[in-house]
C-alpha cells in the first residue's frame, strides 16, 4: 500500500497543526524571566527563614519567648 499525494498532503497539514498547537501551549506558560523571578523569590524566603532560626533558638535558650514580650 502506498500513500497518495492527498494522503501526503493531509499528513503534512496534520504535522503543521500539531507544531502550531504545541507552540501555542508553550507560549501560555510563564516566561523564562518570570520563572527566574519566582525562583529568586522562593530562595529569598528560605534565606529569610533560615536567618531567623538562630535568633529564635537563642531566645528559647535564654527563656525569653517573643510571644511573652507582647
Protein backbone atom coordinates (compact mmCIF):
# COMPACT_ATOMS: atom_id res chain seq x y z
CA UNK A 1 0.00 0.00 0.00
CA UNK A 2 1.40 3.36 -0.97
CA UNK A 3 0.35 6.83 0.03
CA UNK A 4 -1.39 9.07 -2.44
CA UNK A 5 -0.50 12.71 -2.88
CA UNK A 6 -3.67 13.60 -0.95
CA UNK A 7 -2.55 11.36 1.93
CA UNK A 8 0.86 13.00 2.00
CA UNK A 9 -0.70 16.45 1.96
CA UNK A 10 -3.03 15.50 4.83
CA UNK A 11 -0.05 14.22 6.86
CA UNK A 12 1.85 17.46 6.22
CA UNK A 13 -1.13 19.53 7.33
CA UNK A 14 -1.59 17.46 10.47
CA UNK A 15 2.10 17.81 11.30
CA UNK A 16 1.98 21.59 10.84
CA UNK A 17 -1.14 21.83 13.01
CA UNK A 18 0.46 19.77 15.79
CA UNK A 19 3.54 22.02 15.74
CA UNK A 20 1.35 25.13 15.89
CA UNK A 21 -0.67 23.68 18.78
CA UNK A 22 2.49 22.82 20.70
CA UNK A 23 3.93 26.30 20.27
CA UNK A 24 0.66 27.84 21.41
CA UNK A 25 0.69 25.71 24.56
CA UNK A 26 4.31 26.58 25.29
CA UNK A 27 3.57 30.30 24.98
CA UNK A 28 0.82 30.02 27.60
CA UNK A 29 3.34 29.22 30.33
CA UNK A 30 5.46 31.69 32.28
CA UNK A 31 8.36 33.37 30.54
CA UNK A 32 11.94 32.44 31.48
CA UNK A 33 12.29 35.82 33.21
CA UNK A 34 9.18 35.15 35.29
CA UNK A 35 10.48 31.70 36.23
CA UNK A 36 13.79 33.22 37.36
CA UNK A 37 11.93 35.85 39.41
CA UNK A 38 9.80 33.19 41.11
CA UNK A 39 12.87 31.09 41.87
CA UNK A 40 14.71 34.05 43.37
CA UNK A 41 11.69 34.99 45.48
CA UNK A 42 11.47 31.43 46.82
CA UNK A 43 15.20 31.37 47.64
CA UNK A 44 14.89 34.72 49.42
CA UNK A 45 12.01 33.41 51.55
CA UNK A 46 14.07 30.37 52.51
CA UNK A 47 17.08 32.53 53.40
CA UNK A 48 14.88 34.81 55.50
CA UNK A 49 13.51 31.85 57.43
CA UNK A 50 16.98 30.38 57.96
CA UNK A 51 18.36 33.69 59.18
CA UNK A 52 15.55 33.95 61.78
CA UNK A 53 16.10 30.44 63.13
CA UNK A 54 19.24 31.15 65.24
CA UNK A 55 17.52 34.20 66.76
CA UNK A 56 14.54 32.14 67.89
CA UNK A 57 16.78 29.36 69.21
CA UNK A 58 18.76 31.89 71.21
CA UNK A 59 15.58 33.41 72.63
CA UNK A 60 14.35 29.94 73.60
CA UNK A 61 17.66 29.10 75.32
CA UNK A 62 17.50 32.37 77.22
CA UNK A 63 13.94 31.55 78.29
CA UNK A 64 12.61 34.67 76.65
CA UNK A 65 9.86 33.91 74.19
CA UNK A 66 8.99 36.61 71.66
CA UNK A 67 5.32 35.89 72.38
CA UNK A 68 5.78 36.74 76.08
CA UNK A 69 7.21 40.13 75.18
CA UNK A 70 3.78 41.29 73.95
